Amino acid sequence: MGLSDISLTRIDGSATSFGEYADRVVLVVNVASRCGLAPQYEKLEQLQRTYGDRGFTVLGFPSNQFLQELGSEEKIAEYCSATWGVTFPMFERVRVNGRSQHPLYAELTKTKDAAGKAGRVTWNFEKFLVTPTGEVHRFRPSVEPDAPELIAALEAALPAA
């Protein structure tokens, strides 16, 4: 199964697939409302506003796998909108590790990070930059959304301004 074939459910319950975003540069992020890294939402939204018109989007995937997410999609959507002004697409809660791992994360976690390590998502706000050609770059949670290495990979994947 390729990334484009993977089914997704938006936070409002509507169905789509990763293929809907195949022509865009996408930053897939597992998010959590009660995490100490939640302020990264602000920088993720800034990326969306800065690069959205150039063929980029953030995709937020709430996960309670680290026990730091709110209890319902409605509460998550309200928190993201009211607290951080999130405009990028958000999806239903997913499992990013383990036997019930979402198929998207089963594929993405095969990608090695800058240290050459693939495998499990280590914490909330791990980031996967996916290009329209299917190339994947992995950034661990401590890498901020505006980190030079993430911005360089993002800008390299976008069409010239």
N, C-alpha and C. Protein backbone atom coordinates (compact mmCIF):
# COMPACT_ATOMS: atom_id res chain seq x y z
N MET A 1 0.85 -1.19 0.00
CA MET A 1 0.00 0.00 0.00
C MET A 1 0.89 1.24 0.00
N GLY A 2 0.62 2.15 -0.91
CA GLY A 2 1.34 3.42 -0.94
C GLY A 2 0.69 4.42 -0.01
N LEU A 3 1.40 5.48 0.32
CA LEU A 3 0.83 6.51 1.20
C LEU A 3 -0.49 7.05 0.67
N SER A 4 -0.58 7.26 -0.65
CA SER A 4 -1.79 7.85 -1.23
C SER A 4 -3.03 7.00 -1.02
N ASP A 5 -2.86 5.69 -0.83
CA ASP A 5 -3.99 4.78 -0.67
C ASP A 5 -4.53 4.73 0.76
N ILE A 6 -3.84 5.34 1.69
CA ILE A 6 -4.21 5.22 3.10
C ILE A 6 -5.42 6.08 3.42
N SER A 7 -6.44 5.43 3.98
CA SER A 7 -7.67 6.12 4.37
C SER A 7 -7.45 6.93 5.64
N LEU A 8 -8.07 8.10 5.68
CA LEU A 8 -8.00 8.99 6.84
C LEU A 8 -9.40 9.44 7.20
N THR A 9 -9.60 9.79 8.47
CA THR A 9 -10.86 10.36 8.92
C THR A 9 -10.57 11.71 9.54
N ARG A 10 -11.21 12.74 8.98
CA ARG A 10 -11.03 14.10 9.51
C ARG A 10 -11.64 14.18 10.92
N ILE A 11 -11.26 15.21 11.64
CA ILE A 11 -11.72 15.37 13.02
C ILE A 11 -13.24 15.53 13.09
N ASP A 12 -13.86 15.96 11.98
CA ASP A 12 -15.32 16.09 11.94
C ASP A 12 -16.01 14.78 11.54
N GLY A 13 -15.23 13.71 11.34
CA GLY A 13 -15.79 12.41 11.01
C GLY A 13 -15.88 12.10 9.52
N SER A 14 -15.58 13.07 8.67
CA SER A 14 -15.66 12.84 7.23
C SER A 14 -14.43 12.07 6.74
N ALA A 15 -14.64 11.28 5.71
CA ALA A 15 -13.59 10.40 5.19
C ALA A 15 -12.80 11.07 4.08
N THR A 16 -11.52 10.74 4.02
CA THR A 16 -10.64 11.19 2.94
C THR A 16 -9.52 10.17 2.84
N SER A 17 -8.49 10.50 2.10
CA SER A 17 -7.31 9.65 2.04
C SER A 17 -6.08 10.54 1.97
N PHE A 18 -4.94 9.96 2.23
CA PHE A 18 -3.70 10.72 2.13
C PHE A 18 -3.49 11.19 0.69
N GLY A 19 -4.07 10.47 -0.26
CA GLY A 19 -3.97 10.84 -1.67
C GLY A 19 -4.53 12.22 -1.98
N GLU A 20 -5.46 12.71 -1.16
CA GLU A 20 -6.00 14.05 -1.36
C GLU A 20 -4.90 15.11 -1.28
N TYR A 21 -3.82 14.78 -0.59
CA TYR A 21 -2.73 15.73 -0.37
C TYR A 21 -1.50 15.39 -1.19
N ALA A 22 -1.62 14.46 -2.14
CA ALA A 22 -0.48 13.92 -2.88
C ALA A 22 0.28 14.98 -3.68
N ASP A 23 -0.39 16.05 -4.09
CA ASP A 23 0.28 17.09 -4.88
C ASP A 23 0.88 18.20 -4.01
N ARG A 24 0.80 18.04 -2.70
CA ARG A 24 1.29 19.06 -1.78
C ARG A 24 2.48 18.53 -0.97
N VAL A 25 3.26 19.45 -0.44
CA VAL A 25 4.26 19.11 0.56
C VAL A 25 3.51 19.10 1.88
N VAL A 26 3.60 17.99 2.61
CA VAL A 26 2.79 17.80 3.80
C VAL A 26 3.67 17.58 5.02
N LEU A 27 3.32 18.21 6.12
CA LEU A 27 3.99 17.96 7.40
C LEU A 27 2.99 17.25 8.30
N VAL A 28 3.19 15.95 8.49
CA VAL A 28 2.34 15.12 9.35
C VAL A 28 2.89 15.22 10.77
N VAL A 29 2.01 15.59 11.72
CA VAL A 29 2.44 15.78 13.11
C VAL A 29 1.45 15.09 14.04
N ASN A 30 1.95 14.25 14.96
CA ASN A 30 1.09 13.71 16.01
C ASN A 30 1.06 14.74 17.14
N VAL A 31 -0.12 15.23 17.42
CA VAL A 31 -0.30 16.34 18.36
C VAL A 31 -1.01 15.88 19.62
N ALA A 32 -0.89 16.67 20.69
CA ALA A 32 -1.57 16.39 21.95
C ALA A 32 -1.78 17.69 22.69
N SER A 33 -3.01 17.93 23.09
CA SER A 33 -3.41 19.21 23.69
C SER A 33 -2.78 19.48 25.05
N ARG A 34 -2.54 18.44 25.83
CA ARG A 34 -2.03 18.62 27.20
C ARG A 34 -0.53 18.41 27.31
N CYS A 35 0.15 18.36 26.19
CA CYS A 35 1.59 18.12 26.17
C CYS A 35 2.34 19.43 26.40
N GLY A 36 3.50 19.33 27.04
CA GLY A 36 4.35 20.49 27.21
C GLY A 36 4.85 21.07 25.90
N LEU A 37 4.78 20.28 24.83
CA LEU A 37 5.18 20.76 23.51
C LEU A 37 4.03 21.40 22.74
N ALA A 38 2.84 21.48 23.34
CA ALA A 38 1.66 22.04 22.65
C ALA A 38 1.90 23.45 22.08
N PRO A 39 2.77 24.28 22.67
CA PRO A 39 3.04 25.57 22.04
C PRO A 39 3.59 25.45 20.61
N GLN A 40 4.03 24.26 20.21
CA GLN A 40 4.44 24.08 18.82
C GLN A 40 3.27 24.29 17.86
N TYR A 41 2.03 24.16 18.34
CA TYR A 41 0.86 24.45 17.51
C TYR A 41 0.99 25.84 16.87
N GLU A 42 1.47 26.82 17.65
CA GLU A 42 1.59 28.18 17.15
C GLU A 42 2.55 28.24 15.95
N LYS A 43 3.67 27.55 16.06
CA LYS A 43 4.65 27.55 14.96
C LYS A 43 4.15 26.71 13.78
N LEU A 44 3.41 25.64 14.05
CA LEU A 44 2.81 24.87 12.96
C LEU A 44 1.82 25.73 12.18
N GLU A 45 1.01 26.49 12.89
CA GLU A 45 0.04 27.37 12.23
C GLU A 45 0.77 28.45 11.44
N GLN A 46 1.88 28.94 11.96
CA GLN A 46 2.66 29.94 11.22
C GLN A 46 3.21 29.35 9.92
N LEU A 47 3.69 28.11 9.97
CA LEU A 47 4.13 27.45 8.73
C LEU A 47 2.97 27.36 7.73
N GLN A 48 1.79 26.99 8.23
CA GLN A 48 0.62 26.87 7.36
C GLN A 48 0.33 28.21 6.68
N ARG A 49 0.37 29.29 7.44
CA ARG A 49 0.06 30.61 6.89
C ARG A 49 1.16 31.10 5.94
N THR A 50 2.41 30.76 6.25
CA THR A 50 3.53 31.22 5.43
C THR A 50 3.62 30.47 4.11
N TYR A 51 3.44 29.15 4.14
CA TYR A 51 3.69 28.33 2.96
C TYR A 51 2.45 27.72 2.31
N GLY A 52 1.28 27.89 2.93
CA GLY A 52 0.06 27.28 2.42
C GLY A 52 -0.25 27.61 0.97
N ASP A 53 -0.01 28.85 0.56
CA ASP A 53 -0.30 29.27 -0.82
C ASP A 53 0.70 28.71 -1.82
N ARG A 54 1.79 28.10 -1.32
CA ARG A 54 2.82 27.56 -2.22
C ARG A 54 2.73 26.05 -2.36
N GLY A 55 1.65 25.44 -1.85
CA GLY A 55 1.49 24.01 -2.01
C GLY A 55 1.90 23.19 -0.80
N PHE A 56 1.76 23.77 0.39
CA PHE A 56 2.14 23.10 1.63
C PHE A 56 0.95 23.01 2.56
N THR A 57 0.89 21.96 3.37
CA THR A 57 -0.08 21.92 4.46
C THR A 57 0.44 21.08 5.61
N VAL A 58 0.07 21.50 6.81
CA VAL A 58 0.27 20.70 8.01
C VAL A 58 -0.93 19.79 8.13
N LEU A 59 -0.73 18.55 8.55
CA LEU A 59 -1.83 17.64 8.88
C LEU A 59 -1.64 17.21 10.32
N GLY A 60 -2.60 17.55 11.18
CA GLY A 60 -2.50 17.24 12.60
C GLY A 60 -3.24 15.96 12.96
N PHE A 61 -2.54 15.06 13.62
CA PHE A 61 -3.12 13.78 14.04
C PHE A 61 -3.05 13.67 15.56
N PRO A 62 -4.14 14.01 16.25
CA PRO A 62 -4.15 13.87 17.70
C PRO A 62 -3.90 12.41 18.10
N SER A 63 -3.16 12.23 19.17
CA SER A 63 -2.91 10.89 19.68
C SER A 63 -2.87 10.95 21.20
N ASN A 64 -3.56 10.00 21.82
CA ASN A 64 -3.53 9.90 23.27
C ASN A 64 -2.58 8.79 23.71
N GLN A 65 -1.72 8.38 22.81
CA GLN A 65 -0.82 7.27 23.10
C GLN A 65 0.13 7.59 24.26
N PHE A 66 0.41 8.87 24.49
CA PHE A 66 1.28 9.28 25.59
C PHE A 66 0.46 9.92 26.71
N LEU A 67 -0.86 9.68 26.67
CA LEU A 67 -1.81 10.08 27.72
C LEU A 67 -1.85 11.58 27.97
N GLN A 68 -1.81 12.35 26.86
CA GLN A 68 -1.83 13.81 27.00
C GLN A 68 -2.82 14.48 26.05
N GLU A 69 -3.81 13.73 25.57
CA GLU A 69 -4.78 14.31 24.64
C GLU A 69 -6.15 14.35 25.30
N LEU A 70 -6.96 15.29 24.86
CA LEU A 70 -8.32 15.44 25.37
C LEU A 70 -9.16 14.24 24.96
N GLY A 71 -10.34 14.10 25.58
CA GLY A 71 -11.14 12.89 25.46
C GLY A 71 -12.03 12.75 24.25
N SER A 72 -12.20 13.80 23.46
CA SER A 72 -13.08 13.67 22.29
C SER A 72 -12.58 14.56 21.15
N GLU A 73 -12.96 14.19 19.94
CA GLU A 73 -12.58 14.99 18.78
C GLU A 73 -13.15 16.41 18.89
N GLU A 74 -14.36 16.53 19.43
CA GLU A 74 -14.98 17.86 19.58
C GLU A 74 -14.15 18.75 20.50
N LYS A 75 -13.70 18.20 21.63
CA LYS A 75 -12.89 18.99 22.57
C LYS A 75 -11.53 19.35 21.96
N ILE A 76 -10.95 18.41 21.21
CA ILE A 76 -9.67 18.68 20.56
C ILE A 76 -9.83 19.80 19.53
N ALA A 77 -10.87 19.72 18.70
CA ALA A 77 -11.10 20.74 17.67
C ALA A 77 -11.31 22.11 18.30
N GLU A 78 -12.09 22.16 19.37
CA GLU A 78 -12.34 23.43 20.06
C GLU A 78 -11.05 23.99 20.65
N TYR A 79 -10.27 23.14 21.30
CA TYR A 79 -9.00 23.58 21.89
C TYR A 79 -8.07 24.14 20.82
N CYS A 80 -7.92 23.43 19.72
CA CYS A 80 -7.00 23.85 18.66
C CYS A 80 -7.42 25.18 18.06
N SER A 81 -8.71 25.33 17.84
CA SER A 81 -9.23 26.57 17.25
C SER A 81 -9.14 27.74 18.24
N ALA A 82 -9.65 27.53 19.44
CA ALA A 82 -9.72 28.62 20.42
C ALA A 82 -8.35 29.01 20.98
N THR A 83 -7.49 28.04 21.21
CA THR A 83 -6.21 28.32 21.85
C THR A 83 -5.14 28.74 20.86
N TRP A 84 -5.08 28.08 19.69
CA TRP A 84 -3.98 28.30 18.77
C TRP A 84 -4.41 28.84 17.41
N GLY A 85 -5.71 28.97 17.16
CA GLY A 85 -6.17 29.48 15.88
C GLY A 85 -5.84 28.56 14.71
N VAL A 86 -5.84 27.26 14.96
CA VAL A 86 -5.45 26.28 13.94
C VAL A 86 -6.40 26.32 12.75
N THR A 87 -5.80 26.43 11.56
CA THR A 87 -6.59 26.39 10.31
C THR A 87 -6.22 25.18 9.46
N PHE A 88 -5.14 24.49 9.81
CA PHE A 88 -4.73 23.33 9.00
C PHE A 88 -5.62 22.13 9.32
N PRO A 89 -5.69 21.15 8.41
CA PRO A 89 -6.54 19.99 8.62
C PRO A 89 -6.15 19.18 9.86
N MET A 90 -7.16 18.80 10.61
CA MET A 90 -6.98 17.94 11.79
C MET A 90 -7.78 16.66 11.55
N PHE A 91 -7.29 15.58 12.14
CA PHE A 91 -7.88 14.27 11.93
C PHE A 91 -8.28 13.64 13.25
N GLU A 92 -9.01 12.52 13.17
CA GLU A 92 -9.41 11.84 14.39
C GLU A 92 -8.19 11.30 15.12
N ARG A 93 -8.36 11.03 16.40
CA ARG A 93 -7.26 10.49 17.20
C ARG A 93 -6.79 9.16 16.61
N VAL A 94 -5.48 8.99 16.61
CA VAL A 94 -4.88 7.77 16.06
C VAL A 94 -3.86 7.21 17.04
N ARG A 95 -3.51 5.95 16.82
CA ARG A 95 -2.40 5.32 17.55
C ARG A 95 -1.19 5.39 16.63
N VAL A 96 -0.10 5.90 17.15
CA VAL A 96 1.11 6.10 16.34
C VAL A 96 2.12 4.97 16.51
N ASN A 97 1.90 4.11 17.51
CA ASN A 97 2.79 2.97 17.79
C ASN A 97 1.95 1.75 18.15
N GLY A 98 2.58 0.59 18.12
CA GLY A 98 1.95 -0.62 18.64
C GLY A 98 1.10 -1.39 17.64
N ARG A 99 0.40 -2.39 18.16
CA ARG A 99 -0.36 -3.30 17.30
C ARG A 99 -1.52 -2.62 16.60
N SER A 100 -2.09 -1.59 17.20
CA SER A 100 -3.21 -0.88 16.58
C SER A 100 -2.75 0.41 15.89
N GLN A 101 -1.48 0.46 15.53
CA GLN A 101 -0.90 1.64 14.89
C GLN A 101 -1.66 1.95 13.60
N HIS A 102 -1.95 3.24 13.40
CA HIS A 102 -2.62 3.68 12.18
C HIS A 102 -1.73 3.35 10.98
N PRO A 103 -2.32 2.91 9.85
CA PRO A 103 -1.52 2.56 8.67
C PRO A 103 -0.59 3.69 8.19
N LEU A 104 -1.01 4.95 8.34
CA LEU A 104 -0.14 6.05 7.93
C LEU A 104 1.15 6.03 8.75
N TYR A 105 1.01 5.85 10.05
CA TYR A 105 2.20 5.82 10.91
C TYR A 105 3.01 4.54 10.72
N ALA A 106 2.35 3.45 10.35
CA ALA A 106 3.08 2.22 10.04
C ALA A 106 4.05 2.46 8.88
N GLU A 107 3.63 3.25 7.91
CA GLU A 107 4.50 3.59 6.78
C GLU A 107 5.54 4.64 7.17
N LEU A 108 5.09 5.72 7.81
CA LEU A 108 5.99 6.83 8.11
C LEU A 108 7.12 6.44 9.07
N THR A 109 6.85 5.57 10.02
CA THR A 109 7.87 5.23 11.01
C THR A 109 8.97 4.34 10.44
N LYS A 110 8.86 3.94 9.20
CA LYS A 110 9.95 3.22 8.53
C LYS A 110 11.09 4.19 8.17
N THR A 111 10.79 5.49 8.18
CA THR A 111 11.74 6.53 7.82
C THR A 111 12.72 6.79 8.96
N LYS A 112 13.98 6.94 8.60
CA LYS A 112 15.02 7.23 9.59
C LYS A 112 15.08 8.73 9.86
N ASP A 113 15.43 9.08 11.10
CA ASP A 113 15.63 10.48 11.47
C ASP A 113 17.07 10.90 11.14
N ALA A 114 17.46 12.09 11.55
CA ALA A 114 18.79 12.62 11.25
C ALA A 114 19.90 11.76 11.85
N ALA A 115 19.61 11.04 12.92
CA ALA A 115 20.60 10.17 13.56
C ALA A 115 20.60 8.76 12.97
N GLY A 116 19.75 8.53 11.94
CA GLY A 116 19.71 7.23 11.29
C GLY A 116 18.81 6.21 11.96
N LYS A 117 17.93 6.68 12.86
CA LYS A 117 17.05 5.77 13.59
C LYS A 117 15.63 5.84 13.04
N ALA A 118 15.09 4.67 12.71
CA ALA A 118 13.69 4.54 12.32
C ALA A 118 12.94 3.95 13.51
N GLY A 119 11.68 3.59 13.31
CA GLY A 119 10.92 2.91 14.35
C GLY A 119 9.96 3.82 15.08
N ARG A 120 9.64 3.43 16.28
CA ARG A 120 8.58 4.05 17.07
C ARG A 120 8.64 5.58 17.13
N VAL A 121 7.45 6.18 17.18
CA VAL A 121 7.32 7.60 17.48
C VAL A 121 7.70 7.74 18.96
N THR A 122 8.60 8.66 19.26
CA THR A 122 9.12 8.75 20.63
C THR A 122 8.25 9.60 21.56
N TRP A 123 7.48 10.54 21.00
CA TRP A 123 6.68 11.44 21.84
C TRP A 123 5.75 12.23 20.93
N ASN A 124 4.93 13.06 21.55
CA ASN A 124 4.05 13.94 20.80
C ASN A 124 4.88 14.94 19.98
N PHE A 125 4.28 15.40 18.89
CA PHE A 125 4.87 16.42 18.02
C PHE A 125 6.09 15.92 17.24
N GLU A 126 6.11 14.63 16.93
CA GLU A 126 7.08 14.12 15.98
C GLU A 126 6.56 14.51 14.59
N LYS A 127 7.48 14.86 13.71
CA LYS A 127 7.09 15.43 12.42
C LYS A 127 7.66 14.63 11.26
N PHE A 128 6.81 14.44 10.23
CA PHE A 128 7.21 13.76 9.00
C PHE A 128 6.87 14.68 7.84
N LEU A 129 7.88 15.13 7.12
CA LEU A 129 7.68 15.98 5.95
C LEU A 129 7.63 15.06 4.73
N VAL A 130 6.50 15.07 4.04
CA VAL A 130 6.29 14.19 2.88
C VAL A 130 6.18 15.06 1.63
N THR A 131 7.02 14.78 0.64
CA THR A 131 7.01 15.56 -0.60
C THR A 131 6.07 14.91 -1.61
N PRO A 132 5.69 15.66 -2.65
CA PRO A 132 4.81 15.08 -3.69
C PRO A 132 5.44 13.87 -4.39
N THR A 133 6.75 13.74 -4.36
CA THR A 133 7.40 12.58 -4.97
C THR A 133 7.44 11.38 -4.02
N GLY A 134 6.96 11.56 -2.79
CA GLY A 134 6.92 10.48 -1.82
C GLY A 134 8.13 10.40 -0.91
N GLU A 135 9.05 11.34 -1.05
CA GLU A 135 10.21 11.39 -0.16
C GLU A 135 9.74 11.81 1.23
N VAL A 136 10.28 11.16 2.27
CA VAL A 136 9.88 11.46 3.65
C VAL A 136 11.10 11.87 4.45
N HIS A 137 10.96 12.96 5.20
CA HIS A 137 11.99 13.45 6.13
C HIS A 137 11.39 13.38 7.53
N ARG A 138 12.14 12.87 8.48
CA ARG A 138 11.64 12.68 9.84
C ARG A 138 12.34 13.63 10.80
N PHE A 139 11.53 14.27 11.64
CA PHE A 139 12.04 15.21 12.64
C PHE A 139 11.45 14.83 13.99
N ARG A 140 12.31 14.58 14.95
CA ARG A 140 11.86 14.17 16.29
C ARG A 140 11.17 15.34 17.00
N PRO A 141 10.44 15.05 18.09
CA PRO A 141 9.64 16.08 18.78
C PRO A 141 10.41 17.31 19.22
N SER A 142 11.68 17.17 19.57
CA SER A 142 12.47 18.32 20.03
C SER A 142 12.81 19.29 18.90
N VAL A 143 12.64 18.88 17.66
CA VAL A 143 12.88 19.76 16.51
C VAL A 143 11.65 20.65 16.35
N GLU A 144 11.83 21.93 16.59
CA GLU A 144 10.72 22.88 16.49
C GLU A 144 10.27 23.03 15.02
N PRO A 145 9.01 23.37 14.81
CA PRO A 145 8.53 23.54 13.43
C PRO A 145 9.28 24.60 12.62
N ASP A 146 9.92 25.55 13.29
CA ASP A 146 10.67 26.59 12.57
C ASP A 146 12.18 26.34 12.61
N ALA A 147 12.59 25.12 12.95
CA ALA A 147 14.01 24.78 12.99
C ALA A 147 14.61 24.89 11.59
N PRO A 148 15.84 25.36 11.48
CA PRO A 148 16.46 25.56 10.17
C PRO A 148 16.46 24.30 9.29
N GLU A 149 16.71 23.13 9.88
CA GLU A 149 16.76 21.91 9.08
C GLU A 149 15.38 21.53 8.53
N LEU A 150 14.32 21.79 9.29
CA LEU A 150 12.97 21.51 8.80
C LEU A 150 12.59 22.52 7.72
N ILE A 151 12.86 23.78 7.96
CA ILE A 151 12.54 24.81 6.96
C ILE A 151 13.31 24.57 5.67
N ALA A 152 14.57 24.18 5.76
CA ALA A 152 15.36 23.91 4.56
C ALA A 152 14.76 22.78 3.74
N ALA A 153 14.35 21.69 4.40
CA ALA A 153 13.74 20.56 3.70
C ALA A 153 12.40 20.96 3.09
N LEU A 154 11.61 21.74 3.81
CA LEU A 154 10.33 22.22 3.33
C LEU A 154 10.49 23.11 2.10
N GLU A 155 11.37 24.08 2.19
CA GLU A 155 11.56 25.01 1.07
C GLU A 155 12.15 24.30 -0.16
N ALA A 156 13.01 23.31 0.06
CA ALA A 156 13.59 22.56 -1.04
C ALA A 156 12.53 21.76 -1.79
N ALA A 157 11.48 21.35 -1.08
CA ALA A 157 10.43 20.53 -1.69
C ALA A 157 9.35 21.36 -2.38
N LEU A 158 9.27 22.64 -2.07
CA LEU A 158 8.24 23.51 -2.65
C LEU A 158 8.68 24.08 -4.00
N PRO A 159 7.70 24.40 -4.86
CA PRO A 159 8.06 25.11 -6.09
C PRO A 159 8.63 26.49 -5.74
N ALA A 160 9.44 27.02 -6.59
CA ALA A 160 10.03 28.34 -6.35
C ALA A 160 8.94 29.39 -6.19
N ALA A 161 9.19 30.33 -5.30
CA ALA A 161 8.20 31.40 -5.03
C ALA A 161 8.13 32.38 -6.18
